[in-house]
Amino acid sequence: MRRHFNRPTGLDAGHTVWLTIEHPRGAGALTLNGTPLAIGAPGQACQVPITALLTSRNELTIEALLSDEPPWADVRLEIRGEHD
């Protein structure tokens, strides 16, 4: 599965963009703009900081390793400030 998205607007030095994965269903591989992302063990939710990998146009690739179904039910971006 591939998803394209633009870099969030309004980011400054105090913001970090996180890729959050909840309710994992199995093993999978994630890449952002061709860079593999380190994720936790199957069955464990994880959060990965991705601010440094973002470009103006981005491609997130999710690949199931053990089945034909997507390995994660909930994948989202979170933008956090210094005090979040």
PDB file of N, CA and C in Angstrom:
ATOM      1  N   MET A   1       0.846  -1.158   0.000  1.00  0.00           N
ATOM      2  CA  MET A   1       0.000   0.000   0.000  1.00  0.00           C
ATOM      3  C   MET A   1       0.902   1.235   0.000  1.00  0.00           C
ATOM      4  N   ARG A   2       0.543   2.214  -0.795  1.00  0.00           N
ATOM      5  CA  ARG A   2       1.286   3.467  -0.854  1.00  0.00           C
ATOM      6  C   ARG A   2       0.335   4.627  -0.563  1.00  0.00           C
ATOM      7  N   ARG A   3       0.853   5.578   0.176  1.00  0.00           N
ATOM      8  CA  ARG A   3       0.104   6.803   0.465  1.00  0.00           C
ATOM      9  C   ARG A   3       1.020   7.985   0.195  1.00  0.00           C
ATOM     10  N   HIS A   4       0.482   8.978  -0.496  1.00  0.00           N
ATOM     11  CA  HIS A   4       1.225  10.206  -0.761  1.00  0.00           C
ATOM     12  C   HIS A   4       0.631  11.318   0.100  1.00  0.00           C
ATOM     13  N   PHE A   5       1.508  12.189   0.586  1.00  0.00           N
ATOM     14  CA  PHE A   5       1.042  13.330   1.376  1.00  0.00           C
ATOM     15  C   PHE A   5       2.058  14.460   1.276  1.00  0.00           C
ATOM     16  N   ASN A   6       1.582  15.666   1.473  1.00  0.00           N
ATOM     17  CA  ASN A   6       2.454  16.840   1.459  1.00  0.00           C
ATOM     18  C   ASN A   6       3.015  17.089   2.854  1.00  0.00           C
ATOM     19  N   ARG A   7       4.131  17.799   2.895  1.00  0.00           N
ATOM     20  CA  ARG A   7       4.709  18.192   4.189  1.00  0.00           C
ATOM     21  C   ARG A   7       3.705  19.100   4.889  1.00  0.00           C
ATOM     22  N   PRO A   8       3.421  18.843   6.153  1.00  0.00           N
ATOM     23  CA  PRO A   8       2.500  19.724   6.877  1.00  0.00           C
ATOM     24  C   PRO A   8       3.011  21.166   6.888  1.00  0.00           C
ATOM     25  N   THR A   9       2.096  22.101   6.771  1.00  0.00           N
ATOM     26  CA  THR A   9       2.471  23.509   6.777  1.00  0.00           C
ATOM     27  C   THR A   9       2.563  24.021   8.204  1.00  0.00           C
ATOM     28  N   GLY A  10       3.243  25.130   8.389  1.00  0.00           N
ATOM     29  CA  GLY A  10       3.322  25.785   9.682  1.00  0.00           C
ATOM     30  C   GLY A  10       4.307  25.175  10.659  1.00  0.00           C
ATOM     31  N   LEU A  11       5.149  24.241  10.201  1.00  0.00           N
ATOM     32  CA  LEU A  11       6.127  23.636  11.105  1.00  0.00           C
ATOM     33  C   LEU A  11       7.264  24.608  11.373  1.00  0.00           C
ATOM     34  N   ASP A  12       7.709  24.662  12.623  1.00  0.00           N
ATOM     35  CA  ASP A  12       8.900  25.442  12.947  1.00  0.00           C
ATOM     36  C   ASP A  12       9.850  24.552  13.739  1.00  0.00           C
ATOM     37  N   ALA A  13      10.941  25.126  14.217  1.00  0.00           N
ATOM     38  CA  ALA A  13      11.975  24.343  14.902  1.00  0.00           C
ATOM     39  C   ALA A  13      11.455  23.654  16.162  1.00  0.00           C
ATOM     40  N   GLY A  14      10.368  24.126  16.724  1.00  0.00           N
ATOM     41  CA  GLY A  14       9.823  23.529  17.936  1.00  0.00           C
ATOM     42  C   GLY A  14       8.858  22.382  17.697  1.00  0.00           C
ATOM     43  N   HIS A  15       8.614  22.044  16.430  1.00  0.00           N
ATOM     44  CA  HIS A  15       7.675  20.978  16.100  1.00  0.00           C
ATOM     45  C   HIS A  15       8.399  19.712  15.654  1.00  0.00           C
ATOM     46  N   THR A  16       7.823  18.577  16.012  1.00  0.00           N
ATOM     47  CA  THR A  16       8.284  17.282  15.538  1.00  0.00           C
ATOM     48  C   THR A  16       7.095  16.546  14.946  1.00  0.00           C
ATOM     49  N   VAL A  17       7.296  15.936  13.771  1.00  0.00           N
ATOM     50  CA  VAL A  17       6.251  15.139  13.137  1.00  0.00           C
ATOM     51  C   VAL A  17       6.543  13.670  13.442  1.00  0.00           C
ATOM     52  N   TRP A  18       5.547  12.972  13.943  1.00  0.00           N
ATOM     53  CA  TRP A  18       5.659  11.564  14.309  1.00  0.00           C
ATOM     54  C   TRP A  18       4.730  10.735  13.432  1.00  0.00           C
ATOM     55  N   LEU A  19       5.178   9.563  13.054  1.00  0.00           N
ATOM     56  CA  LEU A  19       4.325   8.570  12.433  1.00  0.00           C
ATOM     57  C   LEU A  19       3.914   7.622  13.558  1.00  0.00           C
ATOM     58  N   THR A  20       2.624   7.540  13.827  1.00  0.00           N
ATOM     59  CA  THR A  20       2.106   6.727  14.922  1.00  0.00           C
ATOM     60  C   THR A  20       1.346   5.541  14.338  1.00  0.00           C
ATOM     61  N   ILE A  21       1.671   4.356  14.841  1.00  0.00           N
ATOM     62  CA  ILE A  21       1.044   3.119  14.383  1.00  0.00           C
ATOM     63  C   ILE A  21       0.386   2.466  15.593  1.00  0.00           C
ATOM     64  N   GLU A  22      -0.926   2.309  15.521  1.00  0.00           N
ATOM     65  CA  GLU A  22      -1.657   1.684  16.617  1.00  0.00           C
ATOM     66  C   GLU A  22      -2.371   0.444  16.097  1.00  0.00           C
ATOM     67  N   HIS A  23      -2.674  -0.443  16.981  1.00  0.00           N
ATOM     68  CA  HIS A  23      -3.407  -1.670  16.664  1.00  0.00           C
ATOM     69  C   HIS A  23      -2.754  -2.495  15.558  1.00  0.00           C
ATOM     70  N   PRO A  24      -1.462  -2.779  15.670  1.00  0.00           N
ATOM     71  CA  PRO A  24      -0.817  -3.596  14.641  1.00  0.00           C
ATOM     72  C   PRO A  24      -1.403  -5.003  14.614  1.00  0.00           C
ATOM     73  N   ARG A  25      -1.545  -5.544  13.400  1.00  0.00           N
ATOM     74  CA  ARG A  25      -2.145  -6.865  13.246  1.00  0.00           C
ATOM     75  C   ARG A  25      -1.121  -7.922  12.853  1.00  0.00           C
ATOM     76  N   GLY A  26       0.068  -7.511  12.477  1.00  0.00           N
ATOM     77  CA  GLY A  26       1.060  -8.482  12.040  1.00  0.00           C
ATOM     78  C   GLY A  26       2.357  -7.795  11.669  1.00  0.00           C
ATOM     79  N   ALA A  27       3.252  -8.557  11.094  1.00  0.00           N
ATOM     80  CA  ALA A  27       4.557  -8.028  10.705  1.00  0.00           C
ATOM     81  C   ALA A  27       4.447  -7.254   9.403  1.00  0.00           C
ATOM     82  N   GLY A  28       5.207  -6.164   9.312  1.00  0.00           N
ATOM     83  CA  GLY A  28       5.195  -5.361   8.106  1.00  0.00           C
ATOM     84  C   GLY A  28       6.454  -4.539   7.993  1.00  0.00           C
ATOM     85  N   ALA A  29       6.616  -3.907   6.850  1.00  0.00           N
ATOM     86  CA  ALA A  29       7.757  -3.036   6.602  1.00  0.00           C
ATOM     87  C   ALA A  29       7.228  -1.674   6.169  1.00  0.00           C
ATOM     88  N   LEU A  30       7.859  -0.623   6.684  1.00  0.00           N
ATOM     89  CA  LEU A  30       7.480   0.753   6.359  1.00  0.00           C
ATOM     90  C   LEU A  30       8.663   1.472   5.746  1.00  0.00           C
ATOM     91  N   THR A  31       8.414   2.245   4.706  1.00  0.00           N
ATOM     92  CA  THR A  31       9.432   3.149   4.183  1.00  0.00           C
ATOM     93  C   THR A  31       8.794   4.509   3.958  1.00  0.00           C
ATOM     94  N   LEU A  32       9.586   5.542   4.178  1.00  0.00           N
ATOM     95  CA  LEU A  32       9.154   6.907   3.901  1.00  0.00           C
ATOM     96  C   LEU A  32      10.156   7.495   2.932  1.00  0.00           C
ATOM     97  N   ASN A  33       9.689   7.840   1.748  1.00  0.00           N
ATOM     98  CA  ASN A  33      10.550   8.393   0.696  1.00  0.00           C
ATOM     99  C   ASN A  33      11.760   7.491   0.427  1.00  0.00           C
ATOM    100  N   GLY A  34      11.535   6.170   0.481  1.00  0.00           N
ATOM    101  CA  GLY A  34      12.586   5.207   0.203  1.00  0.00           C
ATOM    102  C   GLY A  34      13.465   4.849   1.384  1.00  0.00           C
ATOM    103  N   THR A  35      13.273   5.495   2.528  1.00  0.00           N
ATOM    104  CA  THR A  35      14.067   5.212   3.727  1.00  0.00           C
ATOM    105  C   THR A  35      13.297   4.255   4.627  1.00  0.00           C
ATOM    106  N   PRO A  36      13.868   3.076   4.944  1.00  0.00           N
ATOM    107  CA  PRO A  36      13.186   2.154   5.860  1.00  0.00           C
ATOM    108  C   PRO A  36      13.047   2.778   7.242  1.00  0.00           C
ATOM    109  N   LEU A  37      11.905   2.554   7.862  1.00  0.00           N
ATOM    110  CA  LEU A  37      11.654   3.065   9.206  1.00  0.00           C
ATOM    111  C   LEU A  37      11.728   1.917  10.199  1.00  0.00           C
ATOM    112  N   ALA A  38      12.404   2.146  11.299  1.00  0.00           N
ATOM    113  CA  ALA A  38      12.483   1.147  12.364  1.00  0.00           C
ATOM    114  C   ALA A  38      11.174   1.154  13.132  1.00  0.00           C
ATOM    115  N   ILE A  39      10.588  -0.013  13.279  1.00  0.00           N
ATOM    116  CA  ILE A  39       9.326  -0.128  13.995  1.00  0.00           C
ATOM    117  C   ILE A  39       9.467  -1.203  15.061  1.00  0.00           C
ATOM    118  N   GLY A  40       8.535  -1.219  15.974  1.00  0.00           N
ATOM    119  CA  GLY A  40       8.575  -2.178  17.067  1.00  0.00           C
ATOM    120  C   GLY A  40       8.192  -3.575  16.626  1.00  0.00           C
ATOM    121  N   ALA A  41       8.108  -4.452  17.562  1.00  0.00           N
ATOM    122  CA  ALA A  41       7.746  -5.845  17.314  1.00  0.00           C
ATOM    123  C   ALA A  41       6.283  -5.940  16.897  1.00  0.00           C
ATOM    124  N   PRO A  42       5.937  -6.964  16.116  1.00  0.00           N
ATOM    125  CA  PRO A  42       4.528  -7.158  15.754  1.00  0.00           C
ATOM    126  C   PRO A  42       3.659  -7.215  17.001  1.00  0.00           C
ATOM    127  N   GLY A  43       2.509  -6.571  16.925  1.00  0.00           N
ATOM    128  CA  GLY A  43       1.589  -6.552  18.047  1.00  0.00           C
ATOM    129  C   GLY A  43       1.805  -5.402  19.014  1.00  0.00           C
ATOM    130  N   GLN A  44       2.860  -4.609  18.830  1.00  0.00           N
ATOM    131  CA  GLN A  44       3.128  -3.488  19.722  1.00  0.00           C
ATOM    132  C   GLN A  44       2.997  -2.175  18.959  1.00  0.00           C
ATOM    133  N   ALA A  45       2.233  -1.239  19.512  1.00  0.00           N
ATOM    134  CA  ALA A  45       2.111   0.086  18.903  1.00  0.00           C
ATOM    135  C   ALA A  45       3.461   0.783  18.965  1.00  0.00           C
ATOM    136  N   CYS A  46       3.709   1.685  18.007  1.00  0.00           N
ATOM    137  CA  CYS A  46       4.980   2.413  18.030  1.00  0.00           C
ATOM    138  C   CYS A  46       4.795   3.810  17.453  1.00  0.00           C
ATOM    139  N   GLN A  47       5.794   4.652  17.738  1.00  0.00           N
ATOM    140  CA  GLN A  47       5.839   6.013  17.220  1.00  0.00           C
ATOM    141  C   GLN A  47       7.244   6.270  16.706  1.00  0.00           C
ATOM    142  N   VAL A  48       7.340   6.839  15.497  1.00  0.00           N
ATOM    143  CA  VAL A  48       8.628   7.091  14.863  1.00  0.00           C
ATOM    144  C   VAL A  48       8.705   8.572  14.491  1.00  0.00           C
ATOM    145  N   PRO A  49       9.729   9.313  14.948  1.00  0.00           N
ATOM    146  CA  PRO A  49       9.872  10.706  14.522  1.00  0.00           C
ATOM    147  C   PRO A  49      10.335  10.752  13.068  1.00  0.00           C
ATOM    148  N   ILE A  50       9.645  11.516  12.223  1.00  0.00           N
ATOM    149  CA  ILE A  50       9.966  11.529  10.794  1.00  0.00           C
ATOM    150  C   ILE A  50      10.250  12.924  10.245  1.00  0.00           C
ATOM    151  N   THR A  51      10.320  13.932  11.085  1.00  0.00           N
ATOM    152  CA  THR A  51      10.487  15.313  10.626  1.00  0.00           C
ATOM    153  C   THR A  51      11.648  15.454   9.659  1.00  0.00           C
ATOM    154  N   ALA A  52      12.800  14.871   9.980  1.00  0.00           N
ATOM    155  CA  ALA A  52      14.005  15.018   9.156  1.00  0.00           C
ATOM    156  C   ALA A  52      13.875  14.340   7.786  1.00  0.00           C
ATOM    157  N   LEU A  53      12.945  13.424   7.631  1.00  0.00           N
ATOM    158  CA  LEU A  53      12.776  12.700   6.363  1.00  0.00           C
ATOM    159  C   LEU A  53      11.766  13.349   5.425  1.00  0.00           C
ATOM    160  N   LEU A  54      11.026  14.335   5.918  1.00  0.00           N
ATOM    161  CA  LEU A  54       9.959  14.932   5.112  1.00  0.00           C
ATOM    162  C   LEU A  54      10.494  15.829   4.009  1.00  0.00           C
ATOM    163  N   THR A  55       9.849  15.736   2.859  1.00  0.00           N
ATOM    164  CA  THR A  55      10.094  16.636   1.737  1.00  0.00           C
ATOM    165  C   THR A  55       8.767  17.324   1.421  1.00  0.00           C
ATOM    166  N   SER A  56       8.724  18.137   0.389  1.00  0.00           N
ATOM    167  CA  SER A  56       7.465  18.805   0.071  1.00  0.00           C
ATOM    168  C   SER A  56       6.380  17.811  -0.345  1.00  0.00           C
ATOM    169  N   ARG A  57       6.765  16.730  -1.019  1.00  0.00           N
ATOM    170  CA  ARG A  57       5.839  15.658  -1.428  1.00  0.00           C
ATOM    171  C   ARG A  57       6.420  14.342  -0.940  1.00  0.00           C
ATOM    172  N   ASN A  58       5.642  13.541  -0.206  1.00  0.00           N
ATOM    173  CA  ASN A  58       6.149  12.350   0.467  1.00  0.00           C
ATOM    174  C   ASN A  58       5.390  11.107   0.053  1.00  0.00           C
ATOM    175  N   GLU A  59       6.086   9.961   0.144  1.00  0.00           N
ATOM    176  CA  GLU A  59       5.462   8.674  -0.145  1.00  0.00           C
ATOM    177  C   GLU A  59       5.741   7.715   1.006  1.00  0.00           C
ATOM    178  N   LEU A  60       4.673   7.249   1.638  1.00  0.00           N
ATOM    179  CA  LEU A  60       4.761   6.248   2.694  1.00  0.00           C
ATOM    180  C   LEU A  60       4.350   4.917   2.084  1.00  0.00           C
ATOM    181  N   THR A  61       5.203   3.905   2.222  1.00  0.00           N
ATOM    182  CA  THR A  61       4.912   2.574   1.710  1.00  0.00           C
ATOM    183  C   THR A  61       4.790   1.611   2.882  1.00  0.00           C
ATOM    184  N   ILE A  62       3.701   0.860   2.891  1.00  0.00           N
ATOM    185  CA  ILE A  62       3.451  -0.147   3.921  1.00  0.00           C
ATOM    186  C   ILE A  62       3.344  -1.490   3.227  1.00  0.00           C
ATOM    187  N   GLU A  63       4.180  -2.430   3.643  1.00  0.00           N
ATOM    188  CA  GLU A  63       4.194  -3.748   3.022  1.00  0.00           C
ATOM    189  C   GLU A  63       3.949  -4.817   4.076  1.00  0.00           C
ATOM    190  N   ALA A  64       2.950  -5.655   3.847  1.00  0.00           N
ATOM    191  CA  ALA A  64       2.688  -6.784   4.736  1.00  0.00           C
ATOM    192  C   ALA A  64       3.716  -7.861   4.448  1.00  0.00           C
ATOM    193  N   LEU A  65       4.270  -8.454   5.503  1.00  0.00           N
ATOM    194  CA  LEU A  65       5.295  -9.474   5.334  1.00  0.00           C
ATOM    195  C   LEU A  65       4.750 -10.898   5.422  1.00  0.00           C
ATOM    196  N   LEU A  66       3.651 -11.087   6.121  1.00  0.00           N
ATOM    197  CA  LEU A  66       3.172 -12.449   6.345  1.00  0.00           C
ATOM    198  C   LEU A  66       1.778 -12.721   5.802  1.00  0.00           C
ATOM    199  N   SER A  67       1.114 -11.713   5.269  1.00  0.00           N
ATOM    200  CA  SER A  67      -0.235 -11.919   4.734  1.00  0.00           C
ATOM    201  C   SER A  67      -0.500 -10.898   3.645  1.00  0.00           C
ATOM    202  N   ASP A  68      -1.680 -10.986   3.041  1.00  0.00           N
ATOM    203  CA  ASP A  68      -2.064 -10.033   1.999  1.00  0.00           C
ATOM    204  C   ASP A  68      -2.761  -8.798   2.560  1.00  0.00           C
ATOM    205  N   GLU A  69      -3.121  -8.833   3.824  1.00  0.00           N
ATOM    206  CA  GLU A  69      -3.808  -7.703   4.439  1.00  0.00           C
ATOM    207  C   GLU A  69      -2.812  -6.708   5.014  1.00  0.00           C
ATOM    208  N   PRO A  70      -3.161  -5.424   5.033  1.00  0.00           N
ATOM    209  CA  PRO A  70      -2.269  -4.431   5.653  1.00  0.00           C
ATOM    210  C   PRO A  70      -1.987  -4.813   7.102  1.00  0.00           C
ATOM    211  N   PRO A  71      -0.731  -4.693   7.535  1.00  0.00           N
ATOM    212  CA  PRO A  71      -0.380  -5.121   8.891  1.00  0.00           C
ATOM    213  C   PRO A  71      -0.827  -4.166   9.989  1.00  0.00           C
ATOM    214  N   TRP A  72      -1.248  -2.952   9.631  1.00  0.00           N
ATOM    215  CA  TRP A  72      -1.643  -1.981  10.651  1.00  0.00           C
ATOM    216  C   TRP A  72      -2.994  -1.401  10.324  1.00  0.00           C
ATOM    217  N   ALA A  73      -3.843  -1.307  11.327  1.00  0.00           N
ATOM    218  CA  ALA A  73      -5.171  -0.735  11.124  1.00  0.00           C
ATOM    219  C   ALA A  73      -5.141   0.786  11.192  1.00  0.00           C
ATOM    220  N   ASP A  74      -4.331   1.347  12.088  1.00  0.00           N
ATOM    221  CA  ASP A  74      -4.320   2.790  12.308  1.00  0.00           C
ATOM    222  C   ASP A  74      -2.910   3.336  12.145  1.00  0.00           C
ATOM    223  N   VAL A  75      -2.714   4.128  11.100  1.00  0.00           N
ATOM    224  CA  VAL A  75      -1.433   4.807  10.866  1.00  0.00           C
ATOM    225  C   VAL A  75      -1.759   6.275  10.671  1.00  0.00           C
ATOM    226  N   ARG A  76      -1.096   7.146  11.452  1.00  0.00           N
ATOM    227  CA  ARG A  76      -1.401   8.579  11.340  1.00  0.00           C
ATOM    228  C   ARG A  76      -0.160   9.425  11.617  1.00  0.00           C
ATOM    229  N   LEU A  77      -0.207  10.662  11.166  1.00  0.00           N
ATOM    230  CA  LEU A  77       0.827  11.644  11.490  1.00  0.00           C
ATOM    231  C   LEU A  77       0.378  12.437  12.699  1.00  0.00           C
ATOM    232  N   GLU A  78       1.308  12.737  13.593  1.00  0.00           N
ATOM    233  CA  GLU A  78       1.050  13.618  14.725  1.00  0.00           C
ATOM    234  C   GLU A  78       2.098  14.709  14.719  1.00  0.00           C
ATOM    235  N   ILE A  79       1.653  15.943  14.916  1.00  0.00           N
ATOM    236  CA  ILE A  79       2.558  17.074  15.014  1.00  0.00           C
ATOM    237  C   ILE A  79       2.556  17.532  16.463  1.00  0.00           C
ATOM    238  N   ARG A  80       3.753  17.521  17.054  1.00  0.00           N
ATOM    239  CA  ARG A  80       3.871  17.883  18.470  1.00  0.00           C
ATOM    240  C   ARG A  80       4.814  19.071  18.607  1.00  0.00           C
ATOM    241  N   GLY A  81       4.442  19.970  19.501  1.00  0.00           N
ATOM    242  CA  GLY A  81       5.286  21.100  19.822  1.00  0.00           C
ATOM    243  C   GLY A  81       6.191  20.780  20.987  1.00  0.00           C
ATOM    244  N   GLU A  82       6.990  21.740  21.385  1.00  0.00           N
ATOM    245  CA  GLU A  82       7.941  21.549  22.475  1.00  0.00           C
ATOM    246  C   GLU A  82       7.282  21.091  23.766  1.00  0.00           C
ATOM    247  N   HIS A  83       6.051  21.513  24.021  1.00  0.00           N
ATOM    248  CA  HIS A  83       5.413  21.248  25.307  1.00  0.00           C
ATOM    249  C   HIS A  83       4.314  20.191  25.214  1.00  0.00           C
ATOM    250  N   ASP A  84       4.226  19.484  24.105  1.00  0.00           N
ATOM    251  CA  ASP A  84       3.206  18.437  23.950  1.00  0.00           C
ATOM    252  C   ASP A  84       3.658  17.139  24.565  1.00  0.00           C
TER     253      ASP A  84
END
